[in-house]
Amino acid sequence: MDNILGGGIETGSITEVFGEFRTGGGEGRALYIDTEGTFRPERIVSVADRFNLNRQDVLDNIAYARAYNTDHQLELLNQASALMSESRYALLVIDSATSLYRTDYTGRGELASRQQHLAKFLRSLQRLADEFGVAVLITNQVIAQVDGNACFMTDPKKPVGGNIVAHASQTRLYLKKGKGVLVIL
């Protein structure tokens, strides 16, 4: 990933990573906000072992929070700001930035409210990136594109969140499964 991004995840900006399930894959003290309940300390331990790092030191350098709805997800950014004021963090991970928006706001009737709340959340993320010089990594989900152009595309998937997420992210990585390999577009 460092080679692809020309040195790693850029500090002071938002990097979006989206793709098919199980294509995902991080240095320094980190805050991890989990919206789907998928954070696994044992996975962190296996990565630490792979790089001959002390397991407990690695785990001690990760602050973890579980978000349960979009308002809670936004409130956790306020708590993250307080933590960053007390101690230096290098990375803030939101996994996944959009999943709770898909459940808290349903149907076209709530689209405007959803996009406004999502925009506020992303602005708050950018403020943290600017204020604390932290790299922000958000994961995103993909959905099938069902408009008339989908039949002409080789890959009819698109990231959730539309232009709101696209414009907030300075870097976007699309992870896709290939034949036995991971392809980054």
N, C-alpha and C. Protein backbone atom coordinates (compact mmCIF):
# COMPACT_ATOMS: atom_id res chain seq x y z
N MET A 1 0.83 -1.18 0.00
CA MET A 1 0.00 0.00 0.00
C MET A 1 0.89 1.25 0.00
N ASP A 2 1.99 1.23 0.78
CA ASP A 2 2.88 2.39 0.80
C ASP A 2 3.40 2.73 -0.59
N ASN A 3 3.75 1.70 -1.37
CA ASN A 3 4.25 1.95 -2.73
C ASN A 3 3.17 2.52 -3.64
N ILE A 4 1.98 2.00 -3.53
CA ILE A 4 0.88 2.47 -4.37
C ILE A 4 0.55 3.92 -4.08
N LEU A 5 0.59 4.29 -2.80
CA LEU A 5 0.24 5.65 -2.40
C LEU A 5 1.44 6.59 -2.38
N GLY A 6 2.60 6.13 -2.82
CA GLY A 6 3.77 6.99 -2.87
C GLY A 6 4.26 7.38 -1.48
N GLY A 7 4.27 6.45 -0.54
CA GLY A 7 4.79 6.72 0.79
C GLY A 7 3.80 6.43 1.90
N GLY A 8 2.59 6.11 1.58
CA GLY A 8 1.62 5.76 2.62
C GLY A 8 0.40 6.64 2.60
N ILE A 9 -0.42 6.49 3.61
CA ILE A 9 -1.65 7.27 3.72
C ILE A 9 -1.28 8.69 4.08
N GLU A 10 -1.80 9.63 3.33
CA GLU A 10 -1.46 11.04 3.51
C GLU A 10 -2.07 11.58 4.80
N THR A 11 -1.23 12.28 5.59
CA THR A 11 -1.75 12.91 6.80
C THR A 11 -2.50 14.17 6.43
N GLY A 12 -3.43 14.55 7.29
CA GLY A 12 -4.22 15.76 7.04
C GLY A 12 -5.24 15.60 5.94
N SER A 13 -5.55 14.37 5.56
CA SER A 13 -6.52 14.15 4.49
C SER A 13 -7.31 12.88 4.76
N ILE A 14 -8.34 12.69 3.95
CA ILE A 14 -9.18 11.50 4.06
C ILE A 14 -8.88 10.59 2.88
N THR A 15 -8.60 9.35 3.18
CA THR A 15 -8.40 8.33 2.16
C THR A 15 -9.54 7.34 2.27
N GLU A 16 -10.24 7.13 1.18
CA GLU A 16 -11.34 6.18 1.15
C GLU A 16 -10.87 4.89 0.49
N VAL A 17 -11.19 3.77 1.13
CA VAL A 17 -10.92 2.46 0.56
C VAL A 17 -12.25 1.74 0.46
N PHE A 18 -12.59 1.28 -0.73
CA PHE A 18 -13.83 0.56 -0.90
C PHE A 18 -13.60 -0.63 -1.79
N GLY A 19 -14.45 -1.61 -1.64
CA GLY A 19 -14.32 -2.77 -2.50
C GLY A 19 -15.16 -3.92 -1.99
N GLU A 20 -14.98 -5.02 -2.64
CA GLU A 20 -15.74 -6.21 -2.32
C GLU A 20 -15.34 -6.73 -0.94
N PHE A 21 -16.23 -7.46 -0.30
CA PHE A 21 -15.98 -8.03 1.02
C PHE A 21 -14.71 -8.86 1.01
N ARG A 22 -13.93 -8.72 2.08
CA ARG A 22 -12.68 -9.45 2.29
C ARG A 22 -11.57 -9.09 1.32
N THR A 23 -11.47 -7.82 0.94
CA THR A 23 -10.34 -7.38 0.13
C THR A 23 -9.47 -6.40 0.90
N GLY A 24 -9.86 -6.04 2.14
CA GLY A 24 -9.19 -4.99 2.90
C GLY A 24 -7.90 -5.42 3.57
N GLY A 25 -7.25 -4.49 4.02
CA GLY A 25 -6.04 -4.76 4.72
C GLY A 25 -5.88 -3.74 5.85
N GLY A 26 -1.50 -1.17 7.98
CA GLY A 26 -1.80 -0.02 8.66
C GLY A 26 -0.63 0.34 9.62
N GLU A 27 0.64 2.15 11.01
CA GLU A 27 1.90 2.43 11.65
C GLU A 27 1.64 3.56 12.61
N GLY A 28 2.01 3.39 13.82
CA GLY A 28 1.81 4.42 14.83
C GLY A 28 0.56 4.17 15.64
N ARG A 29 0.31 5.07 16.57
CA ARG A 29 -0.87 4.99 17.43
C ARG A 29 -2.12 5.26 16.59
N ALA A 30 -3.14 4.47 16.81
CA ALA A 30 -4.33 4.56 15.97
C ALA A 30 -5.61 4.56 16.80
N LEU A 31 -6.61 5.27 16.29
CA LEU A 31 -7.98 5.20 16.79
C LEU A 31 -8.79 4.45 15.76
N TYR A 32 -9.59 3.52 16.22
CA TYR A 32 -10.37 2.68 15.31
C TYR A 32 -11.83 2.75 15.72
N ILE A 33 -12.67 3.30 14.85
CA ILE A 33 -14.11 3.35 15.09
C ILE A 33 -14.76 2.31 14.20
N ASP A 34 -15.40 1.35 14.85
CA ASP A 34 -15.98 0.18 14.19
C ASP A 34 -17.50 0.33 14.16
N THR A 35 -18.07 0.37 12.96
CA THR A 35 -19.52 0.52 12.84
C THR A 35 -20.24 -0.80 12.55
N GLU A 36 -19.47 -1.84 12.29
CA GLU A 36 -20.09 -3.12 11.89
C GLU A 36 -19.77 -4.27 12.83
N GLY A 37 -18.97 -4.02 13.87
CA GLY A 37 -18.61 -5.08 14.79
C GLY A 37 -17.64 -6.09 14.21
N THR A 38 -16.79 -5.65 13.30
CA THR A 38 -15.88 -6.57 12.62
C THR A 38 -14.43 -6.47 13.09
N PHE A 39 -14.11 -5.55 14.02
CA PHE A 39 -12.75 -5.42 14.52
C PHE A 39 -12.37 -6.68 15.28
N ARG A 40 -11.21 -7.24 14.96
CA ARG A 40 -10.76 -8.47 15.60
C ARG A 40 -9.33 -8.29 16.12
N PRO A 41 -9.15 -8.22 17.45
CA PRO A 41 -7.80 -8.10 18.00
C PRO A 41 -6.88 -9.24 17.57
N GLU A 42 -7.45 -10.44 17.38
CA GLU A 42 -6.60 -11.56 16.96
C GLU A 42 -5.99 -11.33 15.58
N ARG A 43 -6.66 -10.57 14.74
CA ARG A 43 -6.10 -10.23 13.42
C ARG A 43 -4.92 -9.28 13.60
N ILE A 44 -5.05 -8.35 14.53
CA ILE A 44 -3.95 -7.42 14.84
C ILE A 44 -2.75 -8.21 15.37
N VAL A 45 -3.01 -9.19 16.23
CA VAL A 45 -1.95 -10.02 16.78
C VAL A 45 -1.23 -10.79 15.67
N SER A 46 -1.97 -11.32 14.71
CA SER A 46 -1.32 -12.07 13.63
C SER A 46 -0.46 -11.16 12.76
N VAL A 47 -0.88 -9.92 12.56
CA VAL A 47 -0.06 -8.96 11.80
C VAL A 47 1.19 -8.60 12.61
N ALA A 48 1.04 -8.39 13.91
CA ALA A 48 2.19 -8.10 14.78
C ALA A 48 3.20 -9.24 14.72
N ASP A 49 2.71 -10.46 14.80
CA ASP A 49 3.60 -11.63 14.72
C ASP A 49 4.32 -11.68 13.38
N ARG A 50 3.61 -11.38 12.32
CA ARG A 50 4.21 -11.43 10.97
C ARG A 50 5.39 -10.47 10.86
N PHE A 51 5.30 -9.32 11.54
CA PHE A 51 6.37 -8.32 11.46
C PHE A 51 7.26 -8.32 12.70
N ASN A 52 7.19 -9.39 13.49
CA ASN A 52 8.01 -9.55 14.69
C ASN A 52 7.88 -8.38 15.66
N LEU A 53 6.65 -7.92 15.86
CA LEU A 53 6.37 -6.83 16.79
C LEU A 53 5.79 -7.40 18.08
N ASN A 54 5.98 -6.69 19.17
CA ASN A 54 5.42 -7.11 20.43
C ASN A 54 3.90 -6.98 20.37
N ARG A 55 3.21 -8.09 20.55
CA ARG A 55 1.74 -8.12 20.43
C ARG A 55 1.06 -7.09 21.33
N GLN A 56 1.44 -7.08 22.60
CA GLN A 56 0.78 -6.20 23.57
C GLN A 56 1.04 -4.74 23.26
N ASP A 57 2.28 -4.41 22.83
CA ASP A 57 2.58 -3.02 22.46
C ASP A 57 1.71 -2.57 21.30
N VAL A 58 1.54 -3.44 20.33
CA VAL A 58 0.72 -3.10 19.16
C VAL A 58 -0.73 -2.88 19.59
N LEU A 59 -1.27 -3.80 20.37
CA LEU A 59 -2.65 -3.66 20.84
C LEU A 59 -2.84 -2.43 21.73
N ASP A 60 -1.83 -2.11 22.55
CA ASP A 60 -1.91 -0.93 23.43
C ASP A 60 -1.90 0.38 22.65
N ASN A 61 -1.46 0.34 21.40
CA ASN A 61 -1.41 1.54 20.58
C ASN A 61 -2.65 1.73 19.72
N ILE A 62 -3.67 0.93 19.99
CA ILE A 62 -4.94 1.06 19.26
C ILE A 62 -6.05 1.38 20.26
N ALA A 63 -6.69 2.53 20.07
CA ALA A 63 -7.88 2.87 20.85
C ALA A 63 -9.08 2.46 20.00
N TYR A 64 -10.01 1.74 20.61
CA TYR A 64 -11.13 1.15 19.88
C TYR A 64 -12.45 1.68 20.42
N ALA A 65 -13.38 1.94 19.50
CA ALA A 65 -14.75 2.31 19.89
C ALA A 65 -15.72 1.69 18.90
N ARG A 66 -16.86 1.29 19.40
CA ARG A 66 -17.91 0.71 18.57
C ARG A 66 -19.03 1.72 18.44
N ALA A 67 -19.40 2.09 17.22
CA ALA A 67 -20.51 3.01 16.96
C ALA A 67 -21.77 2.21 16.69
N TYR A 68 -22.90 2.68 17.23
CA TYR A 68 -24.16 1.94 17.11
C TYR A 68 -25.20 2.62 16.23
N ASN A 69 -25.03 3.91 15.95
CA ASN A 69 -25.91 4.62 15.03
C ASN A 69 -25.15 5.84 14.51
N THR A 70 -25.72 6.55 13.58
CA THR A 70 -25.00 7.66 12.94
C THR A 70 -24.73 8.81 13.90
N ASP A 71 -25.65 9.09 14.82
CA ASP A 71 -25.39 10.15 15.81
C ASP A 71 -24.25 9.75 16.74
N HIS A 72 -24.23 8.48 17.15
CA HIS A 72 -23.15 7.99 18.00
C HIS A 72 -21.81 8.03 17.24
N GLN A 73 -21.85 7.68 15.97
CA GLN A 73 -20.65 7.72 15.13
C GLN A 73 -20.07 9.14 15.09
N LEU A 74 -20.94 10.14 14.96
CA LEU A 74 -20.50 11.54 14.96
C LEU A 74 -19.98 11.94 16.34
N GLU A 75 -20.67 11.52 17.40
CA GLU A 75 -20.23 11.83 18.77
C GLU A 75 -18.85 11.23 19.06
N LEU A 76 -18.57 10.05 18.52
CA LEU A 76 -17.26 9.44 18.74
C LEU A 76 -16.13 10.30 18.17
N LEU A 77 -16.42 11.11 17.16
CA LEU A 77 -15.39 12.03 16.65
C LEU A 77 -15.07 13.10 17.67
N ASN A 78 -16.05 13.55 18.44
CA ASN A 78 -15.78 14.49 19.53
C ASN A 78 -14.88 13.85 20.58
N GLN A 79 -15.15 12.60 20.91
CA GLN A 79 -14.31 11.88 21.86
C GLN A 79 -12.91 11.64 21.29
N ALA A 80 -12.84 11.38 19.99
CA ALA A 80 -11.53 11.21 19.34
C ALA A 80 -10.72 12.49 19.43
N SER A 81 -11.38 13.63 19.25
CA SER A 81 -10.71 14.92 19.36
C SER A 81 -10.11 15.11 20.75
N ALA A 82 -10.87 14.73 21.78
CA ALA A 82 -10.36 14.84 23.15
C ALA A 82 -9.15 13.94 23.37
N LEU A 83 -9.19 12.71 22.85
CA LEU A 83 -8.04 11.81 22.96
C LEU A 83 -6.82 12.37 22.24
N MET A 84 -7.04 12.92 21.05
CA MET A 84 -5.94 13.47 20.26
C MET A 84 -5.34 14.71 20.91
N SER A 85 -6.11 15.41 21.71
CA SER A 85 -5.60 16.57 22.45
C SER A 85 -4.66 16.13 23.56
N GLU A 86 -4.86 14.93 24.07
CA GLU A 86 -4.06 14.42 25.19
C GLU A 86 -2.83 13.64 24.74
N SER A 87 -2.90 13.01 23.57
CA SER A 87 -1.84 12.12 23.12
C SER A 87 -1.74 12.16 21.60
N ARG A 88 -0.56 11.90 21.06
CA ARG A 88 -0.34 11.93 19.61
C ARG A 88 -0.86 10.65 18.95
N TYR A 89 -1.72 10.83 17.98
CA TYR A 89 -2.21 9.73 17.17
C TYR A 89 -1.80 9.97 15.73
N ALA A 90 -1.50 8.89 15.02
CA ALA A 90 -1.07 8.99 13.63
C ALA A 90 -2.19 8.64 12.67
N LEU A 91 -3.16 7.85 13.12
CA LEU A 91 -4.16 7.30 12.21
C LEU A 91 -5.52 7.21 12.89
N LEU A 92 -6.54 7.59 12.13
CA LEU A 92 -7.93 7.42 12.55
C LEU A 92 -8.62 6.58 11.49
N VAL A 93 -9.14 5.42 11.88
CA VAL A 93 -9.81 4.51 10.96
C VAL A 93 -11.30 4.48 11.28
N ILE A 94 -12.12 4.64 10.25
CA ILE A 94 -13.57 4.48 10.39
C ILE A 94 -13.95 3.30 9.49
N ASP A 95 -14.38 2.22 10.10
CA ASP A 95 -14.69 0.99 9.36
C ASP A 95 -16.12 0.57 9.70
N SER A 96 -17.03 0.83 8.91
CA SER A 96 -17.17 1.49 7.64
C SER A 96 -17.85 2.84 7.86
N ALA A 97 -17.47 3.83 7.09
CA ALA A 97 -18.02 5.17 7.25
C ALA A 97 -19.50 5.24 6.89
N THR A 98 -19.98 4.37 6.03
CA THR A 98 -21.33 4.51 5.50
C THR A 98 -22.33 3.45 5.95
N SER A 99 -21.89 2.39 6.59
CA SER A 99 -22.81 1.28 6.88
C SER A 99 -23.99 1.70 7.76
N LEU A 100 -23.76 2.50 8.78
CA LEU A 100 -24.86 2.91 9.66
C LEU A 100 -25.82 3.86 8.95
N TYR A 101 -25.33 4.60 7.97
CA TYR A 101 -26.21 5.48 7.20
C TYR A 101 -27.19 4.67 6.36
N ARG A 102 -26.76 3.50 5.95
CA ARG A 102 -27.63 2.64 5.14
C ARG A 102 -28.77 2.06 5.97
N THR A 103 -28.55 1.92 7.29
CA THR A 103 -29.61 1.38 8.14
C THR A 103 -30.42 2.46 8.86
N ASP A 104 -29.77 3.57 9.22
CA ASP A 104 -30.48 4.64 9.93
C ASP A 104 -31.38 5.47 9.01
N TYR A 105 -31.02 5.56 7.75
CA TYR A 105 -31.79 6.34 6.78
C TYR A 105 -32.17 5.40 5.64
N THR A 106 -33.43 5.13 5.49
CA THR A 106 -33.86 4.20 4.44
C THR A 106 -34.81 4.90 3.47
N GLY A 107 -34.72 4.53 2.25
CA GLY A 107 -35.63 5.05 1.24
C GLY A 107 -35.24 6.42 0.71
N ARG A 108 -35.77 6.75 -0.43
CA ARG A 108 -35.48 8.02 -1.08
C ARG A 108 -35.96 9.22 -0.28
N GLY A 109 -37.01 9.04 0.54
CA GLY A 109 -37.55 10.13 1.33
C GLY A 109 -36.57 10.67 2.36
N GLU A 110 -35.60 9.85 2.78
CA GLU A 110 -34.61 10.27 3.77
C GLU A 110 -33.24 10.56 3.15
N LEU A 111 -33.16 10.54 1.82
CA LEU A 111 -31.90 10.73 1.13
C LEU A 111 -31.24 12.07 1.49
N ALA A 112 -31.99 13.15 1.45
CA ALA A 112 -31.41 14.48 1.75
C ALA A 112 -30.89 14.54 3.18
N SER A 113 -31.67 14.04 4.13
CA SER A 113 -31.24 14.04 5.54
C SER A 113 -29.99 13.19 5.72
N ARG A 114 -29.97 12.03 5.07
CA ARG A 114 -28.81 11.14 5.16
C ARG A 114 -27.57 11.82 4.62
N GLN A 115 -27.67 12.41 3.44
CA GLN A 115 -26.51 13.03 2.81
C GLN A 115 -26.02 14.23 3.62
N GLN A 116 -26.94 14.99 4.23
CA GLN A 116 -26.54 16.13 5.07
C GLN A 116 -25.80 15.66 6.31
N HIS A 117 -26.30 14.60 6.96
CA HIS A 117 -25.63 14.07 8.15
C HIS A 117 -24.28 13.48 7.78
N LEU A 118 -24.23 12.76 6.67
CA LEU A 118 -22.96 12.18 6.19
C LEU A 118 -21.96 13.28 5.87
N ALA A 119 -22.40 14.36 5.25
CA ALA A 119 -21.51 15.48 4.93
C ALA A 119 -20.96 16.11 6.22
N LYS A 120 -21.81 16.26 7.23
CA LYS A 120 -21.37 16.80 8.52
C LYS A 120 -20.32 15.89 9.15
N PHE A 121 -20.56 14.58 9.09
CA PHE A 121 -19.60 13.61 9.62
C PHE A 121 -18.25 13.73 8.90
N LEU A 122 -18.29 13.80 7.58
CA LEU A 122 -17.05 13.88 6.80
C LEU A 122 -16.33 15.21 7.03
N ARG A 123 -17.06 16.30 7.21
CA ARG A 123 -16.43 17.58 7.55
C ARG A 123 -15.74 17.49 8.91
N SER A 124 -16.37 16.81 9.85
CA SER A 124 -15.76 16.62 11.16
C SER A 124 -14.49 15.79 11.07
N LEU A 125 -14.51 14.77 10.22
CA LEU A 125 -13.29 13.98 9.98
C LEU A 125 -12.17 14.84 9.41
N GLN A 126 -12.52 15.68 8.43
CA GLN A 126 -11.51 16.54 7.82
C GLN A 126 -10.95 17.53 8.83
N ARG A 127 -11.82 18.03 9.72
CA ARG A 127 -11.35 18.96 10.76
C ARG A 127 -10.33 18.27 11.66
N LEU A 128 -10.57 17.02 12.05
CA LEU A 128 -9.61 16.27 12.85
C LEU A 128 -8.30 16.08 12.10
N ALA A 129 -8.40 15.75 10.81
CA ALA A 129 -7.20 15.58 9.99
C ALA A 129 -6.39 16.87 9.94
N ASP A 130 -7.07 17.99 9.76
CA ASP A 130 -6.40 19.29 9.69
C ASP A 130 -5.81 19.71 11.03
N GLU A 131 -6.61 19.58 12.09
CA GLU A 131 -6.21 20.07 13.41
C GLU A 131 -5.09 19.25 14.03
N PHE A 132 -5.12 17.95 13.86
CA PHE A 132 -4.16 17.08 14.52
C PHE A 132 -3.14 16.45 13.58
N GLY A 133 -3.24 16.71 12.28
CA GLY A 133 -2.29 16.15 11.32
C GLY A 133 -2.36 14.64 11.26
N VAL A 134 -3.51 14.10 11.54
CA VAL A 134 -3.69 12.65 11.54
C VAL A 134 -4.13 12.18 10.16
N ALA A 135 -3.71 11.01 9.79
CA ALA A 135 -4.20 10.39 8.56
C ALA A 135 -5.55 9.75 8.87
N VAL A 136 -6.52 9.97 7.99
CA VAL A 136 -7.84 9.40 8.17
C VAL A 136 -8.08 8.38 7.07
N LEU A 137 -8.44 7.18 7.47
CA LEU A 137 -8.75 6.11 6.53
C LEU A 137 -10.18 5.66 6.78
N ILE A 138 -11.01 5.81 5.78
CA ILE A 138 -12.38 5.33 5.89
C ILE A 138 -12.57 4.16 4.93
N THR A 139 -13.26 3.14 5.41
CA THR A 139 -13.64 2.08 4.50
C THR A 139 -15.05 2.35 4.05
N ASN A 140 -15.40 1.82 2.92
CA ASN A 140 -16.72 2.03 2.35
C ASN A 140 -17.19 0.72 1.73
N GLN A 141 -18.47 0.62 1.53
CA GLN A 141 -19.05 -0.54 0.91
C GLN A 141 -19.37 -0.24 -0.55
N VAL A 142 -19.59 -1.27 -1.31
CA VAL A 142 -20.02 -1.08 -2.69
C VAL A 142 -21.43 -1.62 -2.85
N ILE A 143 -22.14 -1.03 -3.81
CA ILE A 143 -23.48 -1.50 -4.15
C ILE A 143 -23.55 -1.69 -5.65
N ALA A 144 -24.48 -2.48 -6.08
CA ALA A 144 -24.68 -2.67 -7.51
C ALA A 144 -25.30 -1.42 -8.11
N GLN A 145 -24.76 -0.98 -9.22
CA GLN A 145 -25.32 0.16 -9.93
C GLN A 145 -26.47 -0.34 -10.78
N VAL A 146 -27.65 0.21 -10.57
CA VAL A 146 -28.84 -0.33 -11.24
C VAL A 146 -29.44 0.63 -12.27
N ASP A 147 -28.71 1.67 -12.63
CA ASP A 147 -29.26 2.58 -13.64
C ASP A 147 -29.06 2.00 -15.04
N GLY A 148 -29.50 2.69 -16.03
CA GLY A 148 -29.45 2.21 -17.40
C GLY A 148 -28.06 1.99 -17.95
N ASN A 149 -27.03 2.65 -17.36
CA ASN A 149 -25.66 2.50 -17.86
C ASN A 149 -24.98 1.25 -17.33
N ALA A 150 -25.54 0.61 -16.32
CA ALA A 150 -24.89 -0.54 -15.69
C ALA A 150 -24.63 -1.68 -16.66
N CYS A 151 -25.50 -1.87 -17.62
CA CYS A 151 -25.33 -3.00 -18.54
C CYS A 151 -24.13 -2.80 -19.47
N PHE A 152 -23.62 -1.58 -19.60
CA PHE A 152 -22.48 -1.31 -20.47
C PHE A 152 -21.15 -1.30 -19.72
N MET A 153 -21.19 -1.51 -18.42
CA MET A 153 -19.99 -1.45 -17.60
C MET A 153 -19.46 -2.85 -17.34
N THR A 154 -18.12 -3.00 -17.29
CA THR A 154 -17.53 -4.29 -16.96
C THR A 154 -17.67 -4.58 -15.48
N ASP A 155 -17.77 -3.56 -14.65
CA ASP A 155 -17.95 -3.74 -13.22
C ASP A 155 -19.05 -2.79 -12.75
N PRO A 156 -20.27 -3.27 -12.62
CA PRO A 156 -21.39 -2.39 -12.29
C PRO A 156 -21.50 -2.05 -10.80
N LYS A 157 -20.40 -2.09 -10.04
CA LYS A 157 -20.43 -1.74 -8.63
C LYS A 157 -19.96 -0.29 -8.45
N LYS A 158 -20.50 0.36 -7.41
CA LYS A 158 -20.07 1.72 -7.10
C LYS A 158 -20.06 1.87 -5.59
N PRO A 159 -19.22 2.78 -5.06
CA PRO A 159 -19.17 2.97 -3.62
C PRO A 159 -20.42 3.67 -3.10
N VAL A 160 -20.79 3.36 -1.86
CA VAL A 160 -21.93 3.98 -1.20
C VAL A 160 -21.59 5.43 -0.86
N GLY A 161 -22.58 6.30 -0.81
CA GLY A 161 -22.38 7.67 -0.36
C GLY A 161 -22.32 8.70 -1.47
N GLY A 162 -22.20 8.24 -2.69
CA GLY A 162 -22.24 9.14 -3.83
C GLY A 162 -21.18 10.22 -3.82
N ASN A 163 -21.54 11.39 -4.35
CA ASN A 163 -20.60 12.49 -4.48
C ASN A 163 -20.16 13.06 -3.13
N ILE A 164 -20.98 12.92 -2.10
CA ILE A 164 -20.61 13.43 -0.78
C ILE A 164 -19.30 12.79 -0.32
N VAL A 165 -19.21 11.48 -0.39
CA VAL A 165 -17.99 10.77 0.02
C VAL A 165 -16.88 11.00 -1.01
N ALA A 166 -17.22 10.96 -2.27
CA ALA A 166 -16.21 11.14 -3.33
C ALA A 166 -15.50 12.48 -3.20
N HIS A 167 -16.25 13.55 -2.94
CA HIS A 167 -15.64 14.89 -2.84
C HIS A 167 -14.89 15.11 -1.54
N ALA A 168 -15.27 14.40 -0.48
CA ALA A 168 -14.59 14.54 0.81
C ALA A 168 -13.27 13.78 0.84
N SER A 169 -13.14 12.77 0.01
CA SER A 169 -11.94 11.92 0.01
C SER A 169 -10.90 12.47 -0.96
N GLN A 170 -9.71 12.74 -0.44
CA GLN A 170 -8.64 13.22 -1.32
C GLN A 170 -8.02 12.08 -2.12
N THR A 171 -8.08 10.88 -1.57
CA THR A 171 -7.56 9.69 -2.24
C THR A 171 -8.62 8.60 -2.15
N ARG A 172 -8.85 7.89 -3.27
CA ARG A 172 -9.82 6.80 -3.28
C ARG A 172 -9.16 5.56 -3.85
N LEU A 173 -9.27 4.46 -3.15
CA LEU A 173 -8.73 3.19 -3.60
C LEU A 173 -9.86 2.19 -3.76
N TYR A 174 -9.95 1.58 -4.91
CA TYR A 174 -10.96 0.56 -5.18
C TYR A 174 -10.27 -0.79 -5.15
N LEU A 175 -10.58 -1.60 -4.15
CA LEU A 175 -10.01 -2.94 -4.03
C LEU A 175 -10.96 -3.92 -4.69
N LYS A 176 -10.41 -4.75 -5.54
CA LYS A 176 -11.23 -5.69 -6.30
C LYS A 176 -10.53 -7.04 -6.33
N LYS A 177 -11.32 -8.08 -6.21
CA LYS A 177 -10.76 -9.42 -6.29
C LYS A 177 -10.45 -9.76 -7.74
N GLY A 178 -9.24 -10.26 -7.97
CA GLY A 178 -8.87 -10.76 -9.28
C GLY A 178 -8.71 -12.27 -9.18
N LYS A 179 -8.19 -12.88 -10.19
CA LYS A 179 -7.98 -14.33 -10.16
C LYS A 179 -6.78 -14.65 -9.27
N GLY A 180 -7.06 -14.87 -8.00
CA GLY A 180 -6.00 -15.21 -7.05
C GLY A 180 -5.19 -14.04 -6.58
N VAL A 181 -5.53 -12.82 -6.95
CA VAL A 181 -4.78 -11.64 -6.54
C VAL A 181 -5.75 -10.53 -6.15
N LEU A 182 -5.21 -9.54 -5.45
CA LEU A 182 -5.96 -8.35 -5.11
C LEU A 182 -5.57 -7.26 -6.09
N VAL A 183 -6.55 -6.66 -6.73
CA VAL A 183 -6.31 -5.61 -7.70
C VAL A 183 -6.72 -4.29 -7.09
N ILE A 184 -5.85 -3.28 -7.18
CA ILE A 184 -6.17 -1.96 -6.67
C ILE A 184 -6.27 -1.02 -7.84
N LEU A 185 -7.45 -0.40 -7.99
CA LEU A 185 -7.70 0.49 -9.12
C LEU A 185 -7.69 1.94 -8.67
